Amino acid sequence: MIDLEAIKKNPRTQYLGHEYERLEHQAVQVRALAADAAMKELAEEELQAIVVQQAALLVQIKAVEDAEKEEEEFPNEIILEVRAGAGGDEAALFAYELAQMYERYAEAQGWNW
């Protein structure tokens, strides 16, 4: 069984969690229709389609969660602090030029600054 509440709390999987929940409610309604002999065959086909959709959603949720774990393990952002050391105005000027150099490099790579 999956933890739907945890999935719905995560902003990246929230939509998928709501869709999974919607499919569960739809399955309950289809099962109620299956009690009627005339609708039984149609309801069984619909239930099979719902199960396939739920399985696809679970695969997507798992992929998103795996990507989050990988991102936490290998983050793709840094904080760079450039400070002027001893040397007065010249050290401050060098620190400024160094920060600008990193800024231009980040822009050339297409990274956010």
PDB file of N, CA and C in Angstrom:
ATOM      1  N   MET A   1       0.844  -1.182   0.000  1.00  0.00           N
ATOM      2  CA  MET A   1       0.000   0.000   0.000  1.00  0.00           C
ATOM      3  C   MET A   1       0.885   1.240   0.000  1.00  0.00           C
ATOM      4  N   ILE A   2       0.458   2.251  -0.693  1.00  0.00           N
ATOM      5  CA  ILE A   2       1.253   3.466  -0.784  1.00  0.00           C
ATOM      6  C   ILE A   2       0.748   4.490   0.229  1.00  0.00           C
ATOM      7  N   ASP A   3       1.628   5.399   0.605  1.00  0.00           N
ATOM      8  CA  ASP A   3       1.277   6.473   1.544  1.00  0.00           C
ATOM      9  C   ASP A   3       0.816   7.681   0.735  1.00  0.00           C
ATOM     10  N   LEU A   4      -0.484   7.739   0.475  1.00  0.00           N
ATOM     11  CA  LEU A   4      -1.032   8.812  -0.364  1.00  0.00           C
ATOM     12  C   LEU A   4      -0.864  10.181   0.280  1.00  0.00           C
ATOM     13  N   GLU A   5      -0.967  10.250   1.600  1.00  0.00           N
ATOM     14  CA  GLU A   5      -0.857  11.542   2.278  1.00  0.00           C
ATOM     15  C   GLU A   5       0.541  12.137   2.093  1.00  0.00           C
ATOM     16  N   ALA A   6       1.561  11.305   2.190  1.00  0.00           N
ATOM     17  CA  ALA A   6       2.931  11.789   1.982  1.00  0.00           C
ATOM     18  C   ALA A   6       3.136  12.221   0.539  1.00  0.00           C
ATOM     19  N   ILE A   7       2.545  11.483  -0.377  1.00  0.00           N
ATOM     20  CA  ILE A   7       2.685  11.831  -1.797  1.00  0.00           C
ATOM     21  C   ILE A   7       1.985  13.149  -2.086  1.00  0.00           C
ATOM     22  N   LYS A   8       0.822  13.366  -1.484  1.00  0.00           N
ATOM     23  CA  LYS A   8       0.068  14.602  -1.735  1.00  0.00           C
ATOM     24  C   LYS A   8       0.702  15.811  -1.045  1.00  0.00           C
ATOM     25  N   LYS A   9       1.525  15.586  -0.007  1.00  0.00           N
ATOM     26  CA  LYS A   9       2.201  16.702   0.672  1.00  0.00           C
ATOM     27  C   LYS A   9       3.414  17.191  -0.115  1.00  0.00           C
ATOM     28  N   ASN A  10       4.010  16.307  -0.899  1.00  0.00           N
ATOM     29  CA  ASN A  10       5.182  16.669  -1.695  1.00  0.00           C
ATOM     30  C   ASN A  10       4.710  17.473  -2.907  1.00  0.00           C
ATOM     31  N   PRO A  11       5.202  18.721  -3.079  1.00  0.00           N
ATOM     32  CA  PRO A  11       4.730  19.534  -4.200  1.00  0.00           C
ATOM     33  C   PRO A  11       5.006  18.925  -5.573  1.00  0.00           C
ATOM     34  N   ARG A  12       6.036  18.116  -5.676  1.00  0.00           N
ATOM     35  CA  ARG A  12       6.378  17.535  -6.975  1.00  0.00           C
ATOM     36  C   ARG A  12       5.489  16.344  -7.334  1.00  0.00           C
ATOM     37  N   THR A  13       4.941  15.678  -6.328  1.00  0.00           N
ATOM     38  CA  THR A  13       4.097  14.518  -6.592  1.00  0.00           C
ATOM     39  C   THR A  13       2.640  14.765  -6.214  1.00  0.00           C
ATOM     40  N   GLN A  14       2.329  15.967  -5.815  1.00  0.00           N
ATOM     41  CA  GLN A  14       0.987  16.285  -5.340  1.00  0.00           C
ATOM     42  C   GLN A  14      -0.077  15.983  -6.397  1.00  0.00           C
ATOM     43  N   TYR A  15       0.132  16.440  -7.604  1.00  0.00           N
ATOM     44  CA  TYR A  15      -0.838  16.219  -8.676  1.00  0.00           C
ATOM     45  C   TYR A  15      -1.028  14.726  -8.931  1.00  0.00           C
ATOM     46  N   LEU A  16       0.068  13.990  -8.969  1.00  0.00           N
ATOM     47  CA  LEU A  16      -0.016  12.553  -9.218  1.00  0.00           C
ATOM     48  C   LEU A  16      -0.768  11.850  -8.094  1.00  0.00           C
ATOM     49  N   GLY A  17      -0.569  12.308  -6.857  1.00  0.00           N
ATOM     50  CA  GLY A  17      -1.290  11.732  -5.725  1.00  0.00           C
ATOM     51  C   GLY A  17      -2.784  11.971  -5.819  1.00  0.00           C
ATOM     52  N   HIS A  18      -3.151  13.175  -6.226  1.00  0.00           N
ATOM     53  CA  HIS A  18      -4.577  13.482  -6.391  1.00  0.00           C
ATOM     54  C   HIS A  18      -5.182  12.645  -7.526  1.00  0.00           C
ATOM     55  N   GLU A  19      -4.445  12.463  -8.586  1.00  0.00           N
ATOM     56  CA  GLU A  19      -4.931  11.635  -9.699  1.00  0.00           C
ATOM     57  C   GLU A  19      -5.110  10.183  -9.255  1.00  0.00           C
ATOM     58  N   TYR A  20      -4.166   9.683  -8.474  1.00  0.00           N
ATOM     59  CA  TYR A  20      -4.261   8.310  -7.976  1.00  0.00           C
ATOM     60  C   TYR A  20      -5.498   8.171  -7.094  1.00  0.00           C
ATOM     61  N   GLU A  21      -5.721   9.152  -6.238  1.00  0.00           N
ATOM     62  CA  GLU A  21      -6.889   9.136  -5.359  1.00  0.00           C
ATOM     63  C   GLU A  21      -8.190   9.203  -6.171  1.00  0.00           C
ATOM     64  N   ARG A  22      -8.200  10.016  -7.218  1.00  0.00           N
ATOM     65  CA  ARG A  22      -9.378  10.121  -8.085  1.00  0.00           C
ATOM     66  C   ARG A  22      -9.675   8.771  -8.732  1.00  0.00           C
ATOM     67  N   LEU A  23      -8.613   8.093  -9.172  1.00  0.00           N
ATOM     68  CA  LEU A  23      -8.796   6.776  -9.782  1.00  0.00           C
ATOM     69  C   LEU A  23      -9.324   5.753  -8.774  1.00  0.00           C
ATOM     70  N   GLU A  24      -8.889   5.860  -7.509  1.00  0.00           N
ATOM     71  CA  GLU A  24      -9.407   4.962  -6.482  1.00  0.00           C
ATOM     72  C   GLU A  24     -10.907   5.168  -6.281  1.00  0.00           C
ATOM     73  N   HIS A  25     -11.325   6.436  -6.228  1.00  0.00           N
ATOM     74  CA  HIS A  25     -12.754   6.725  -6.077  1.00  0.00           C
ATOM     75  C   HIS A  25     -13.534   6.223  -7.295  1.00  0.00           C
ATOM     76  N   GLN A  26     -12.961   6.393  -8.451  1.00  0.00           N
ATOM     77  CA  GLN A  26     -13.602   5.915  -9.679  1.00  0.00           C
ATOM     78  C   GLN A  26     -13.732   4.388  -9.657  1.00  0.00           C
ATOM     79  N   ALA A  27     -12.725   3.708  -9.144  1.00  0.00           N
ATOM     80  CA  ALA A  27     -12.766   2.243  -9.052  1.00  0.00           C
ATOM     81  C   ALA A  27     -13.874   1.798  -8.105  1.00  0.00           C
ATOM     82  N   VAL A  28     -14.064   2.506  -7.004  1.00  0.00           N
ATOM     83  CA  VAL A  28     -15.135   2.174  -6.072  1.00  0.00           C
ATOM     84  C   VAL A  28     -16.490   2.297  -6.766  1.00  0.00           C
ATOM     85  N   GLN A  29     -16.658   3.361  -7.534  1.00  0.00           N
ATOM     86  CA  GLN A  29     -17.923   3.554  -8.241  1.00  0.00           C
ATOM     87  C   GLN A  29     -18.144   2.461  -9.294  1.00  0.00           C
ATOM     88  N   VAL A  30     -17.101   2.075  -9.983  1.00  0.00           N
ATOM     89  CA  VAL A  30     -17.219   1.035 -11.009  1.00  0.00           C
ATOM     90  C   VAL A  30     -17.547  -0.310 -10.361  1.00  0.00           C
ATOM     91  N   ARG A  31     -16.943  -0.592  -9.197  1.00  0.00           N
ATOM     92  CA  ARG A  31     -17.244  -1.841  -8.503  1.00  0.00           C
ATOM     93  C   ARG A  31     -18.722  -1.896  -8.096  1.00  0.00           C
ATOM     94  N   ALA A  32     -19.275  -0.741  -7.724  1.00  0.00           N
ATOM     95  CA  ALA A  32     -20.698  -0.686  -7.377  1.00  0.00           C
ATOM     96  C   ALA A  32     -21.550  -1.013  -8.605  1.00  0.00           C
ATOM     97  N   LEU A  33     -21.120  -0.569  -9.771  1.00  0.00           N
ATOM     98  CA  LEU A  33     -21.846  -0.876 -11.004  1.00  0.00           C
ATOM     99  C   LEU A  33     -21.724  -2.353 -11.384  1.00  0.00           C
ATOM    100  N   ALA A  34     -20.650  -2.997 -10.952  1.00  0.00           N
ATOM    101  CA  ALA A  34     -20.414  -4.395 -11.312  1.00  0.00           C
ATOM    102  C   ALA A  34     -21.437  -5.321 -10.665  1.00  0.00           C
ATOM    103  N   ALA A  35     -22.145  -4.844  -9.670  1.00  0.00           N
ATOM    104  CA  ALA A  35     -23.179  -5.659  -9.026  1.00  0.00           C
ATOM    105  C   ALA A  35     -24.319  -5.965  -9.995  1.00  0.00           C
ATOM    106  N   ASP A  36     -24.546  -5.056 -10.934  1.00  0.00           N
ATOM    107  CA  ASP A  36     -25.578  -5.270 -11.957  1.00  0.00           C
ATOM    108  C   ASP A  36     -25.027  -6.238 -13.003  1.00  0.00           C
ATOM    109  N   ALA A  37     -25.767  -7.300 -13.286  1.00  0.00           N
ATOM    110  CA  ALA A  37     -25.305  -8.339 -14.217  1.00  0.00           C
ATOM    111  C   ALA A  37     -25.067  -7.785 -15.620  1.00  0.00           C
ATOM    112  N   ALA A  38     -25.894  -6.820 -16.042  1.00  0.00           N
ATOM    113  CA  ALA A  38     -25.748  -6.260 -17.387  1.00  0.00           C
ATOM    114  C   ALA A  38     -24.486  -5.403 -17.511  1.00  0.00           C
ATOM    115  N   MET A  39     -24.050  -4.840 -16.412  1.00  0.00           N
ATOM    116  CA  MET A  39     -22.892  -3.934 -16.438  1.00  0.00           C
ATOM    117  C   MET A  39     -21.595  -4.621 -16.009  1.00  0.00           C
ATOM    118  N   LYS A  40     -21.686  -5.884 -15.589  1.00  0.00           N
ATOM    119  CA  LYS A  40     -20.524  -6.558 -15.015  1.00  0.00           C
ATOM    120  C   LYS A  40     -19.329  -6.609 -15.972  1.00  0.00           C
ATOM    121  N   GLU A  41     -19.548  -7.010 -17.200  1.00  0.00           N
ATOM    122  CA  GLU A  41     -18.447  -7.135 -18.168  1.00  0.00           C
ATOM    123  C   GLU A  41     -17.815  -5.771 -18.453  1.00  0.00           C
ATOM    124  N   LEU A  42     -18.659  -4.770 -18.638  1.00  0.00           N
ATOM    125  CA  LEU A  42     -18.153  -3.412 -18.895  1.00  0.00           C
ATOM    126  C   LEU A  42     -17.387  -2.873 -17.683  1.00  0.00           C
ATOM    127  N   ALA A  43     -17.894  -3.157 -16.491  1.00  0.00           N
ATOM    128  CA  ALA A  43     -17.238  -2.697 -15.269  1.00  0.00           C
ATOM    129  C   ALA A  43     -15.880  -3.359 -15.097  1.00  0.00           C
ATOM    130  N   GLU A  44     -15.778  -4.637 -15.428  1.00  0.00           N
ATOM    131  CA  GLU A  44     -14.490  -5.337 -15.312  1.00  0.00           C
ATOM    132  C   GLU A  44     -13.452  -4.741 -16.259  1.00  0.00           C
ATOM    133  N   GLU A  45     -13.865  -4.403 -17.469  1.00  0.00           N
ATOM    134  CA  GLU A  45     -12.946  -3.760 -18.412  1.00  0.00           C
ATOM    135  C   GLU A  45     -12.497  -2.406 -17.889  1.00  0.00           C
ATOM    136  N   GLU A  46     -13.438  -1.659 -17.334  1.00  0.00           N
ATOM    137  CA  GLU A  46     -13.109  -0.334 -16.783  1.00  0.00           C
ATOM    138  C   GLU A  46     -12.150  -0.470 -15.604  1.00  0.00           C
ATOM    139  N   LEU A  47     -12.386  -1.472 -14.758  1.00  0.00           N
ATOM    140  CA  LEU A  47     -11.485  -1.693 -13.614  1.00  0.00           C
ATOM    141  C   LEU A  47     -10.074  -2.038 -14.088  1.00  0.00           C
ATOM    142  N   GLN A  48      -9.965  -2.831 -15.138  1.00  0.00           N
ATOM    143  CA  GLN A  48      -8.635  -3.164 -15.670  1.00  0.00           C
ATOM    144  C   GLN A  48      -7.929  -1.911 -16.189  1.00  0.00           C
ATOM    145  N   ALA A  49      -8.680  -1.026 -16.838  1.00  0.00           N
ATOM    146  CA  ALA A  49      -8.095   0.225 -17.330  1.00  0.00           C
ATOM    147  C   ALA A  49      -7.640   1.104 -16.172  1.00  0.00           C
ATOM    148  N   ILE A  50      -8.425   1.125 -15.109  1.00  0.00           N
ATOM    149  CA  ILE A  50      -8.059   1.928 -13.928  1.00  0.00           C
ATOM    150  C   ILE A  50      -6.788   1.378 -13.288  1.00  0.00           C
ATOM    151  N   VAL A  51      -6.689   0.064 -13.194  1.00  0.00           N
ATOM    152  CA  VAL A  51      -5.494  -0.559 -12.598  1.00  0.00           C
ATOM    153  C   VAL A  51      -4.250  -0.214 -13.417  1.00  0.00           C
ATOM    154  N   VAL A  52      -4.369  -0.219 -14.730  1.00  0.00           N
ATOM    155  CA  VAL A  52      -3.237   0.132 -15.601  1.00  0.00           C
ATOM    156  C   VAL A  52      -2.843   1.603 -15.386  1.00  0.00           C
ATOM    157  N   GLN A  53      -3.831   2.482 -15.288  1.00  0.00           N
ATOM    158  CA  GLN A  53      -3.549   3.906 -15.062  1.00  0.00           C
ATOM    159  C   GLN A  53      -2.892   4.120 -13.707  1.00  0.00           C
ATOM    160  N   GLN A  54      -3.372   3.414 -12.681  1.00  0.00           N
ATOM    161  CA  GLN A  54      -2.765   3.546 -11.359  1.00  0.00           C
ATOM    162  C   GLN A  54      -1.323   3.045 -11.362  1.00  0.00           C
ATOM    163  N   ALA A  55      -1.074   1.962 -12.061  1.00  0.00           N
ATOM    164  CA  ALA A  55       0.301   1.448 -12.142  1.00  0.00           C
ATOM    165  C   ALA A  55       1.215   2.455 -12.827  1.00  0.00           C
ATOM    166  N   ALA A  56       0.708   3.100 -13.883  1.00  0.00           N
ATOM    167  CA  ALA A  56       1.509   4.120 -14.571  1.00  0.00           C
ATOM    168  C   ALA A  56       1.788   5.302 -13.649  1.00  0.00           C
ATOM    169  N   LEU A  57       0.797   5.701 -12.851  1.00  0.00           N
ATOM    170  CA  LEU A  57       1.010   6.801 -11.905  1.00  0.00           C
ATOM    171  C   LEU A  57       2.043   6.426 -10.859  1.00  0.00           C
ATOM    172  N   LEU A  58       2.000   5.194 -10.382  1.00  0.00           N
ATOM    173  CA  LEU A  58       2.989   4.755  -9.391  1.00  0.00           C
ATOM    174  C   LEU A  58       4.400   4.784  -9.965  1.00  0.00           C
ATOM    175  N   VAL A  59       4.539   4.432 -11.235  1.00  0.00           N
ATOM    176  CA  VAL A  59       5.851   4.486 -11.890  1.00  0.00           C
ATOM    177  C   VAL A  59       6.336   5.934 -11.962  1.00  0.00           C
ATOM    178  N   GLN A  60       5.435   6.852 -12.306  1.00  0.00           N
ATOM    179  CA  GLN A  60       5.806   8.272 -12.373  1.00  0.00           C
ATOM    180  C   GLN A  60       6.181   8.800 -10.991  1.00  0.00           C
ATOM    181  N   ILE A  61       5.417   8.436  -9.973  1.00  0.00           N
ATOM    182  CA  ILE A  61       5.708   8.888  -8.602  1.00  0.00           C
ATOM    183  C   ILE A  61       7.074   8.375  -8.177  1.00  0.00           C
ATOM    184  N   LYS A  62       7.347   7.117  -8.458  1.00  0.00           N
ATOM    185  CA  LYS A  62       8.641   6.523  -8.103  1.00  0.00           C
ATOM    186  C   LYS A  62       9.781   7.244  -8.820  1.00  0.00           C
ATOM    187  N   ALA A  63       9.582   7.592 -10.083  1.00  0.00           N
ATOM    188  CA  ALA A  63      10.616   8.308 -10.837  1.00  0.00           C
ATOM    189  C   ALA A  63      10.881   9.680 -10.239  1.00  0.00           C
ATOM    190  N   VAL A  64       9.824  10.371  -9.849  1.00  0.00           N
ATOM    191  CA  VAL A  64       9.987  11.700  -9.240  1.00  0.00           C
ATOM    192  C   VAL A  64      10.709  11.581  -7.902  1.00  0.00           C
ATOM    193  N   GLU A  65      10.323  10.601  -7.090  1.00  0.00           N
ATOM    194  CA  GLU A  65      10.977  10.414  -5.797  1.00  0.00           C
ATOM    195  C   GLU A  65      12.446  10.038  -5.965  1.00  0.00           C
ATOM    196  N   ASP A  66      12.750   9.202  -6.940  1.00  0.00           N
ATOM    197  CA  ASP A  66      14.148   8.834  -7.196  1.00  0.00           C
ATOM    198  C   ASP A  66      14.963  10.042  -7.641  1.00  0.00           C
ATOM    199  N   ALA A  67      14.358  10.883  -8.477  1.00  0.00           N
ATOM    200  CA  ALA A  67      15.051  12.091  -8.933  1.00  0.00           C
ATOM    201  C   ALA A  67      15.307  13.028  -7.758  1.00  0.00           C
ATOM    202  N   GLU A  68      14.364  13.119  -6.833  1.00  0.00           N
ATOM    203  CA  GLU A  68      14.554  13.965  -5.650  1.00  0.00           C
ATOM    204  C   GLU A  68      15.694  13.439  -4.786  1.00  0.00           C
ATOM    205  N   LYS A  69      15.738  12.117  -4.603  1.00  0.00           N
ATOM    206  CA  LYS A  69      16.811  11.534  -3.792  1.00  0.00           C
ATOM    207  C   LYS A  69      18.170  11.790  -4.437  1.00  0.00           C
ATOM    208  N   GLU A  70      18.231  11.650  -5.758  1.00  0.00           N
ATOM    209  CA  GLU A  70      19.480  11.893  -6.473  1.00  0.00           C
ATOM    210  C   GLU A  70      19.885  13.360  -6.363  1.00  0.00           C
ATOM    211  N   GLU A  71      18.907  14.247  -6.443  1.00  0.00           N
ATOM    212  CA  GLU A  71      19.197  15.675  -6.334  1.00  0.00           C
ATOM    213  C   GLU A  71      19.700  16.027  -4.943  1.00  0.00           C
ATOM    214  N   GLU A  72      19.146  15.381  -3.917  1.00  0.00           N
ATOM    215  CA  GLU A  72      19.626  15.617  -2.556  1.00  0.00           C
ATOM    216  C   GLU A  72      21.038  15.073  -2.379  1.00  0.00           C
ATOM    217  N   GLU A  73      21.304  13.942  -3.010  1.00  0.00           N
ATOM    218  CA  GLU A  73      22.612  13.314  -2.900  1.00  0.00           C
ATOM    219  C   GLU A  73      23.675  14.090  -3.671  1.00  0.00           C
ATOM    220  N   PHE A  74      23.297  14.565  -4.850  1.00  0.00           N
ATOM    221  CA  PHE A  74      24.214  15.313  -5.696  1.00  0.00           C
ATOM    222  C   PHE A  74      23.556  16.643  -6.074  1.00  0.00           C
ATOM    223  N   PRO A  75      23.581  17.605  -5.176  1.00  0.00           N
ATOM    224  CA  PRO A  75      22.890  18.879  -5.476  1.00  0.00           C
ATOM    225  C   PRO A  75      23.555  19.600  -6.643  1.00  0.00           C
ATOM    226  N   ASN A  76      22.765  20.372  -7.357  1.00  0.00           N
ATOM    227  CA  ASN A  76      23.282  21.074  -8.530  1.00  0.00           C
ATOM    228  C   ASN A  76      23.313  22.578  -8.311  1.00  0.00           C
ATOM    229  N   GLU A  77      23.459  22.985  -7.079  1.00  0.00           N
ATOM    230  CA  GLU A  77      23.577  24.409  -6.820  1.00  0.00           C
ATOM    231  C   GLU A  77      24.665  24.640  -5.775  1.00  0.00           C
ATOM    232  N   ILE A  78      25.268  25.792  -5.860  1.00  0.00           N
ATOM    233  CA  ILE A  78      26.326  26.149  -4.917  1.00  0.00           C
ATOM    234  C   ILE A  78      26.113  27.572  -4.445  1.00  0.00           C
ATOM    235  N   ILE A  79      26.772  27.892  -3.367  1.00  0.00           N
ATOM    236  CA  ILE A  79      26.828  29.268  -2.884  1.00  0.00           C
ATOM    237  C   ILE A  79      28.303  29.655  -2.908  1.00  0.00           C
ATOM    238  N   LEU A  80      28.595  30.687  -3.640  1.00  0.00           N
ATOM    239  CA  LEU A  80      29.972  31.149  -3.778  1.00  0.00           C
ATOM    240  C   LEU A  80      30.084  32.503  -3.103  1.00  0.00           C
ATOM    241  N   GLU A  81      30.987  32.602  -2.161  1.00  0.00           N
ATOM    242  CA  GLU A  81      31.203  33.872  -1.471  1.00  0.00           C
ATOM    243  C   GLU A  81      32.627  34.316  -1.757  1.00  0.00           C
ATOM    244  N   VAL A  82      32.760  35.507  -2.289  1.00  0.00           N
ATOM    245  CA  VAL A  82      34.069  36.056  -2.604  1.00  0.00           C
ATOM    246  C   VAL A  82      34.296  37.239  -1.676  1.00  0.00           C
ATOM    247  N   ARG A  83      35.353  37.182  -0.896  1.00  0.00           N
ATOM    248  CA  ARG A  83      35.656  38.261   0.049  1.00  0.00           C
ATOM    249  C   ARG A  83      37.046  38.832  -0.239  1.00  0.00           C
ATOM    250  N   ALA A  84      37.155  40.086   0.027  1.00  0.00           N
ATOM    251  CA  ALA A  84      38.470  40.733  -0.104  1.00  0.00           C
ATOM    252  C   ALA A  84      39.302  40.369   1.120  1.00  0.00           C
ATOM    253  N   GLY A  85      40.533  39.976   0.878  1.00  0.00           N
ATOM    254  CA  GLY A  85      41.433  39.656   1.981  1.00  0.00           C
ATOM    255  C   GLY A  85      42.219  40.895   2.394  1.00  0.00           C
ATOM    256  N   ALA A  86      43.349  40.662   2.998  1.00  0.00           N
ATOM    257  CA  ALA A  86      44.207  41.774   3.401  1.00  0.00           C
ATOM    258  C   ALA A  86      44.758  42.425   2.139  1.00  0.00           C
ATOM    259  N   GLY A  87      44.800  43.720   2.118  1.00  0.00           N
ATOM    260  CA  GLY A  87      45.346  44.403   0.953  1.00  0.00           C
ATOM    261  C   GLY A  87      44.568  45.645   0.590  1.00  0.00           C
ATOM    262  N   GLY A  88      43.534  45.938   1.310  1.00  0.00           N
ATOM    263  CA  GLY A  88      42.814  47.191   1.112  1.00  0.00           C
ATOM    264  C   GLY A  88      42.025  47.232  -0.184  1.00  0.00           C
ATOM    265  N   ASP A  89      42.173  48.391  -0.889  1.00  0.00           N
ATOM    266  CA  ASP A  89      41.391  48.622  -2.105  1.00  0.00           C
ATOM    267  C   ASP A  89      41.734  47.639  -3.217  1.00  0.00           C
ATOM    268  N   GLU A  90      42.990  47.278  -3.325  1.00  0.00           N
ATOM    269  CA  GLU A  90      43.376  46.363  -4.384  1.00  0.00           C
ATOM    270  C   GLU A  90      42.785  44.972  -4.158  1.00  0.00           C
ATOM    271  N   ALA A  91      42.717  44.529  -2.919  1.00  0.00           N
ATOM    272  CA  ALA A  91      42.115  43.236  -2.609  1.00  0.00           C
ATOM    273  C   ALA A  91      40.614  43.272  -2.908  1.00  0.00           C
ATOM    274  N   ALA A  92      39.977  44.383  -2.588  1.00  0.00           N
ATOM    275  CA  ALA A  92      38.546  44.525  -2.869  1.00  0.00           C
ATOM    276  C   ALA A  92      38.303  44.536  -4.375  1.00  0.00           C
ATOM    277  N   LEU A  93      39.160  45.213  -5.134  1.00  0.00           N
ATOM    278  CA  LEU A  93      39.037  45.258  -6.579  1.00  0.00           C
ATOM    279  C   LEU A  93      39.230  43.856  -7.181  1.00  0.00           C
ATOM    280  N   PHE A  94      40.226  43.122  -6.666  1.00  0.00           N
ATOM    281  CA  PHE A  94      40.451  41.762  -7.151  1.00  0.00           C
ATOM    282  C   PHE A  94      39.252  40.870  -6.849  1.00  0.00           C
ATOM    283  N   ALA A  95      38.678  40.971  -5.645  1.00  0.00           N
ATOM    284  CA  ALA A  95      37.509  40.175  -5.270  1.00  0.00           C
ATOM    285  C   ALA A  95      36.329  40.518  -6.177  1.00  0.00           C
ATOM    286  N   TYR A  96      36.149  41.791  -6.493  1.00  0.00           N
ATOM    287  CA  TYR A  96      35.068  42.220  -7.383  1.00  0.00           C
ATOM    288  C   TYR A  96      35.245  41.628  -8.780  1.00  0.00           C
ATOM    289  N   GLU A  97      36.471  41.694  -9.308  1.00  0.00           N
ATOM    290  CA  GLU A  97      36.742  41.150 -10.633  1.00  0.00           C
ATOM    291  C   GLU A  97      36.579  39.627 -10.657  1.00  0.00           C
ATOM    292  N   LEU A  98      36.971  38.990  -9.579  1.00  0.00           N
ATOM    293  CA  LEU A  98      36.822  37.541  -9.479  1.00  0.00           C
ATOM    294  C   LEU A  98      35.340  37.145  -9.472  1.00  0.00           C
ATOM    295  N   ALA A  99      34.529  37.876  -8.728  1.00  0.00           N
ATOM    296  CA  ALA A  99      33.085  37.603  -8.684  1.00  0.00           C
ATOM    297  C   ALA A  99      32.456  37.830 -10.055  1.00  0.00           C
ATOM    298  N   GLN A 100      32.893  38.879 -10.749  1.00  0.00           N
ATOM    299  CA  GLN A 100      32.360  39.134 -12.092  1.00  0.00           C
ATOM    300  C   GLN A 100      32.757  38.039 -13.070  1.00  0.00           C
ATOM    301  N   MET A 101      33.967  37.526 -12.895  1.00  0.00           N
ATOM    302  CA  MET A 101      34.435  36.459 -13.759  1.00  0.00           C
ATOM    303  C   MET A 101      33.550  35.223 -13.585  1.00  0.00           C
ATOM    304  N   TYR A 102      33.263  34.863 -12.348  1.00  0.00           N
ATOM    305  CA  TYR A 102      32.392  33.720 -12.093  1.00  0.00           C
ATOM    306  C   TYR A 102      30.982  33.968 -12.620  1.00  0.00           C
ATOM    307  N   GLU A 103      30.502  35.179 -12.504  1.00  0.00           N
ATOM    308  CA  GLU A 103      29.172  35.522 -13.009  1.00  0.00           C
ATOM    309  C   GLU A 103      29.111  35.339 -14.530  1.00  0.00           C
ATOM    310  N   ARG A 104      30.111  35.847 -15.233  1.00  0.00           N
ATOM    311  CA  ARG A 104      30.131  35.703 -16.691  1.00  0.00           C
ATOM    312  C   ARG A 104      30.272  34.237 -17.102  1.00  0.00           C
ATOM    313  N   TYR A 105      31.073  33.490 -16.358  1.00  0.00           N
ATOM    314  CA  TYR A 105      31.224  32.067 -16.659  1.00  0.00           C
ATOM    315  C   TYR A 105      29.890  31.337 -16.490  1.00  0.00           C
ATOM    316  N   ALA A 106      29.183  31.643 -15.406  1.00  0.00           N
ATOM    317  CA  ALA A 106      27.877  31.014 -15.167  1.00  0.00           C
ATOM    318  C   ALA A 106      26.894  31.374 -16.285  1.00  0.00           C
ATOM    319  N   GLU A 107      26.904  32.608 -16.718  1.00  0.00           N
ATOM    320  CA  GLU A 107      26.009  33.027 -17.807  1.00  0.00           C
ATOM    321  C   GLU A 107      26.389  32.324 -19.115  1.00  0.00           C
ATOM    322  N   ALA A 108      27.678  32.156 -19.361  1.00  0.00           N
ATOM    323  CA  ALA A 108      28.131  31.485 -20.577  1.00  0.00           C
ATOM    324  C   ALA A 108      27.706  30.007 -20.576  1.00  0.00           C
ATOM    325  N   GLN A 109      27.628  29.402 -19.384  1.00  0.00           N
ATOM    326  CA  GLN A 109      27.214  28.007 -19.275  1.00  0.00           C
ATOM    327  C   GLN A 109      25.690  27.857 -19.260  1.00  0.00           C
ATOM    328  N   GLY A 110      24.972  28.987 -19.202  1.00  0.00           N
ATOM    329  CA  GLY A 110      23.514  28.946 -19.172  1.00  0.00           C
ATOM    330  C   GLY A 110      22.963  28.680 -17.781  1.00  0.00           C
ATOM    331  N   TRP A 111      23.768  28.945 -16.758  1.00  0.00           N
ATOM    332  CA  TRP A 111      23.343  28.712 -15.387  1.00  0.00           C
ATOM    333  C   TRP A 111      22.704  29.976 -14.844  1.00  0.00           C
ATOM    334  N   ASN A 112      21.861  29.813 -13.829  1.00  0.00           N
ATOM    335  CA  ASN A 112      21.273  30.975 -13.161  1.00  0.00           C
ATOM    336  C   ASN A 112      22.314  31.599 -12.240  1.00  0.00           C
ATOM    337  N   TRP A 113      22.218  32.885 -12.088  1.00  0.00           N
ATOM    338  CA  TRP A 113      23.154  33.610 -11.240  1.00  0.00           C
ATOM    339  C   TRP A 113      22.396  34.366 -10.199  1.00  0.00           C
TER     340      TRP A 113
END
